[in-house]
Amino acid sequence: MTKPGPEPQDVPGLEPGGSVTPGDTPPDAGQTSGLSHPQPIPSRLPGMITIIVIGVLVVGAAGFFILRAFDLF
C-alpha cells in the first residue's frame, strides 16, 4: 500500500485551503490511491476488416491495370 502524503500543516509552501503558491511545485504525494477497474481489451476485428478491404481494393486495382496493359479489358 502506498504511503499517504504529509499532513497539510507540515508541507512548506501551501497557502490556506491547500493550494500552492504561484511558481511553487505541489507536494510529492499522489492524490489518488487504490486500483481502478481492469480496462477491457479492445477488439482487433475493425483493424482486420480495414486491412482486408484495403487489400481487396489494391488487388482489384492491380488486376484492372494488368488487364488494361494486355488490352483484355
N, C-alpha and C. Protein backbone atom coordinates (compact mmCIF):
# COMPACT_ATOMS: atom_id res chain seq x y z
N MET A 1 0.85 -1.18 0.00
CA MET A 1 0.00 0.00 0.00
C MET A 1 0.89 1.23 0.00
N THR A 2 0.43 2.28 -0.62
CA THR A 2 1.21 3.50 -0.74
C THR A 2 1.13 4.32 0.54
N LYS A 3 2.23 4.94 0.82
CA LYS A 3 2.28 5.79 2.00
C LYS A 3 1.55 7.09 1.67
N PRO A 4 0.61 7.51 2.52
CA PRO A 4 -0.09 8.77 2.25
C PRO A 4 0.86 9.96 2.33
N GLY A 5 0.47 11.04 1.71
CA GLY A 5 1.29 12.24 1.70
C GLY A 5 1.39 12.87 3.08
N PRO A 6 2.25 13.86 3.21
CA PRO A 6 2.41 14.53 4.50
C PRO A 6 1.16 15.34 4.86
N GLU A 7 1.05 15.63 6.11
CA GLU A 7 -0.07 16.44 6.59
C GLU A 7 0.04 17.86 6.01
N PRO A 8 -1.08 18.47 5.63
CA PRO A 8 -1.02 19.81 5.02
C PRO A 8 -0.29 20.85 5.86
N GLN A 9 -0.42 20.79 7.18
CA GLN A 9 0.25 21.80 8.01
C GLN A 9 1.76 21.59 8.05
N ASP A 10 2.26 20.40 7.64
CA ASP A 10 3.69 20.12 7.66
C ASP A 10 4.38 20.40 6.32
N VAL A 11 3.61 20.74 5.29
CA VAL A 11 4.18 20.95 3.96
C VAL A 11 4.48 22.44 3.77
N PRO A 12 5.74 22.79 3.48
CA PRO A 12 6.05 24.20 3.25
C PRO A 12 5.50 24.66 1.91
N GLY A 13 5.11 25.91 1.82
CA GLY A 13 4.67 26.50 0.57
C GLY A 13 3.18 26.39 0.31
N LEU A 14 2.42 25.76 1.20
CA LEU A 14 0.98 25.67 0.98
C LEU A 14 0.29 26.91 1.55
N GLU A 15 -0.66 27.40 0.78
CA GLU A 15 -1.47 28.51 1.24
C GLU A 15 -2.68 27.97 2.00
N PRO A 16 -3.40 28.80 2.70
CA PRO A 16 -4.61 28.32 3.36
C PRO A 16 -5.57 27.73 2.32
N GLY A 17 -6.13 26.58 2.64
CA GLY A 17 -7.02 25.89 1.71
C GLY A 17 -6.31 24.78 0.96
N GLY A 18 -4.99 24.69 1.08
CA GLY A 18 -4.25 23.60 0.48
C GLY A 18 -3.65 23.86 -0.88
N SER A 19 -3.84 25.05 -1.45
CA SER A 19 -3.26 25.32 -2.77
C SER A 19 -1.81 25.75 -2.62
N VAL A 20 -1.05 25.67 -3.71
CA VAL A 20 0.35 26.07 -3.67
C VAL A 20 0.48 27.49 -4.20
N THR A 21 1.55 28.14 -3.80
CA THR A 21 1.81 29.49 -4.26
C THR A 21 2.23 29.45 -5.73
N PRO A 22 1.96 30.50 -6.52
CA PRO A 22 2.37 30.51 -7.92
C PRO A 22 3.87 30.31 -8.06
N GLY A 23 4.26 29.41 -8.96
CA GLY A 23 5.67 29.12 -9.18
C GLY A 23 6.20 28.03 -8.28
N ASP A 24 5.45 27.60 -7.29
CA ASP A 24 5.88 26.54 -6.40
C ASP A 24 5.40 25.19 -6.93
N THR A 25 6.08 24.13 -6.59
CA THR A 25 5.66 22.80 -7.05
C THR A 25 4.74 22.18 -6.00
N PRO A 26 3.80 21.37 -6.42
CA PRO A 26 2.90 20.72 -5.46
C PRO A 26 3.64 19.64 -4.67
N PRO A 27 3.05 19.14 -3.60
CA PRO A 27 3.69 18.09 -2.80
C PRO A 27 3.95 16.84 -3.66
N ASP A 28 4.88 16.02 -3.22
CA ASP A 28 5.29 14.84 -3.97
C ASP A 28 4.31 13.68 -3.83
N ALA A 29 3.30 13.80 -3.02
CA ALA A 29 2.35 12.71 -2.80
C ALA A 29 1.28 12.70 -3.88
N GLY A 30 0.87 11.51 -4.28
CA GLY A 30 -0.19 11.37 -5.25
C GLY A 30 -1.54 11.74 -4.63
N GLN A 31 -2.49 12.09 -5.47
CA GLN A 31 -3.80 12.50 -4.98
C GLN A 31 -4.83 11.38 -5.04
N THR A 32 -4.46 10.25 -5.63
CA THR A 32 -5.38 9.12 -5.70
C THR A 32 -4.70 7.89 -5.15
N SER A 33 -5.48 6.93 -4.75
CA SER A 33 -4.92 5.68 -4.27
C SER A 33 -5.84 4.55 -4.65
N GLY A 34 -5.35 3.35 -4.56
CA GLY A 34 -6.16 2.17 -4.87
C GLY A 34 -6.05 1.79 -6.33
N LEU A 35 -6.72 0.72 -6.67
CA LEU A 35 -6.69 0.21 -8.03
C LEU A 35 -7.98 0.56 -8.75
N SER A 36 -7.89 0.79 -10.03
CA SER A 36 -9.08 1.04 -10.83
C SER A 36 -9.58 -0.30 -11.37
N HIS A 37 -10.72 -0.25 -12.02
CA HIS A 37 -11.24 -1.46 -12.63
C HIS A 37 -10.35 -1.83 -13.81
N PRO A 38 -10.19 -3.13 -14.09
CA PRO A 38 -9.37 -3.50 -15.25
C PRO A 38 -9.97 -2.97 -16.55
N GLN A 39 -9.11 -2.47 -17.41
CA GLN A 39 -9.56 -1.92 -18.68
C GLN A 39 -9.85 -3.05 -19.66
N PRO A 40 -10.94 -2.95 -20.43
CA PRO A 40 -11.24 -4.01 -21.39
C PRO A 40 -10.24 -4.00 -22.55
N ILE A 41 -9.98 -5.19 -23.08
CA ILE A 41 -9.07 -5.31 -24.21
C ILE A 41 -9.86 -4.97 -25.47
N PRO A 42 -9.40 -4.00 -26.26
CA PRO A 42 -10.15 -3.63 -27.46
C PRO A 42 -10.14 -4.76 -28.50
N SER A 43 -11.18 -4.80 -29.29
CA SER A 43 -11.31 -5.82 -30.32
C SER A 43 -10.37 -5.53 -31.48
N ARG A 44 -9.84 -6.60 -32.10
CA ARG A 44 -8.96 -6.45 -33.26
C ARG A 44 -9.75 -6.52 -34.55
N LEU A 45 -11.05 -6.81 -34.48
CA LEU A 45 -11.86 -7.01 -35.67
C LEU A 45 -11.91 -5.79 -36.59
N PRO A 46 -12.15 -4.57 -36.10
CA PRO A 46 -12.18 -3.43 -37.02
C PRO A 46 -10.87 -3.22 -37.78
N GLY A 47 -9.76 -3.43 -37.12
CA GLY A 47 -8.47 -3.28 -37.80
C GLY A 47 -8.27 -4.34 -38.87
N MET A 48 -8.68 -5.57 -38.59
CA MET A 48 -8.54 -6.65 -39.56
C MET A 48 -9.45 -6.41 -40.76
N ILE A 49 -10.66 -5.96 -40.53
CA ILE A 49 -11.59 -5.68 -41.62
C ILE A 49 -11.02 -4.58 -42.51
N THR A 50 -10.45 -3.55 -41.91
CA THR A 50 -9.86 -2.45 -42.68
C THR A 50 -8.72 -2.95 -43.56
N ILE A 51 -7.85 -3.78 -43.00
CA ILE A 51 -6.72 -4.30 -43.77
C ILE A 51 -7.21 -5.17 -44.92
N ILE A 52 -8.23 -5.99 -44.68
CA ILE A 52 -8.77 -6.86 -45.73
C ILE A 52 -9.39 -6.02 -46.85
N VAL A 53 -10.16 -4.99 -46.50
CA VAL A 53 -10.79 -4.13 -47.51
C VAL A 53 -9.73 -3.42 -48.34
N ILE A 54 -8.70 -2.90 -47.70
CA ILE A 54 -7.62 -2.22 -48.44
C ILE A 54 -6.91 -3.21 -49.35
N GLY A 55 -6.67 -4.43 -48.86
CA GLY A 55 -6.03 -5.45 -49.68
C GLY A 55 -6.85 -5.81 -50.91
N VAL A 56 -8.17 -5.96 -50.74
CA VAL A 56 -9.05 -6.27 -51.87
C VAL A 56 -9.03 -5.13 -52.89
N LEU A 57 -9.05 -3.89 -52.42
CA LEU A 57 -9.00 -2.75 -53.34
C LEU A 57 -7.68 -2.69 -54.11
N VAL A 58 -6.58 -2.96 -53.43
CA VAL A 58 -5.26 -2.93 -54.08
C VAL A 58 -5.17 -4.03 -55.13
N VAL A 59 -5.62 -5.25 -54.77
CA VAL A 59 -5.57 -6.36 -55.72
C VAL A 59 -6.49 -6.07 -56.91
N GLY A 60 -7.67 -5.50 -56.67
CA GLY A 60 -8.59 -5.15 -57.75
C GLY A 60 -8.00 -4.11 -58.68
N ALA A 61 -7.39 -3.08 -58.12
CA ALA A 61 -6.79 -2.02 -58.94
C ALA A 61 -5.62 -2.59 -59.75
N ALA A 62 -4.79 -3.41 -59.11
CA ALA A 62 -3.66 -4.01 -59.83
C ALA A 62 -4.17 -4.91 -60.96
N GLY A 63 -5.20 -5.69 -60.70
CA GLY A 63 -5.78 -6.54 -61.74
C GLY A 63 -6.33 -5.72 -62.89
N PHE A 64 -7.00 -4.63 -62.59
CA PHE A 64 -7.54 -3.77 -63.63
C PHE A 64 -6.43 -3.25 -64.53
N PHE A 65 -5.35 -2.75 -63.94
CA PHE A 65 -4.26 -2.18 -64.74
C PHE A 65 -3.51 -3.26 -65.52
N ILE A 66 -3.41 -4.46 -64.96
CA ILE A 66 -2.77 -5.55 -65.70
C ILE A 66 -3.62 -5.94 -66.92
N LEU A 67 -4.93 -6.03 -66.72
CA LEU A 67 -5.82 -6.34 -67.84
C LEU A 67 -5.79 -5.24 -68.90
N ARG A 68 -5.73 -3.98 -68.47
CA ARG A 68 -5.64 -2.86 -69.42
C ARG A 68 -4.31 -2.89 -70.18
N ALA A 69 -3.24 -3.31 -69.52
CA ALA A 69 -1.92 -3.36 -70.15
C ALA A 69 -1.89 -4.40 -71.27
N PHE A 70 -2.59 -5.52 -71.08
CA PHE A 70 -2.64 -6.56 -72.11
C PHE A 70 -3.85 -6.42 -73.04
N ASP A 71 -4.54 -5.30 -72.91
CA ASP A 71 -5.69 -4.96 -73.74
C ASP A 71 -6.77 -6.05 -73.69
N LEU A 72 -6.99 -6.59 -72.49
CA LEU A 72 -8.01 -7.62 -72.31
C LEU A 72 -9.31 -7.04 -71.72
N PHE A 73 -9.27 -5.79 -71.33
CA PHE A 73 -10.45 -5.19 -70.72
C PHE A 73 -10.76 -3.86 -71.35
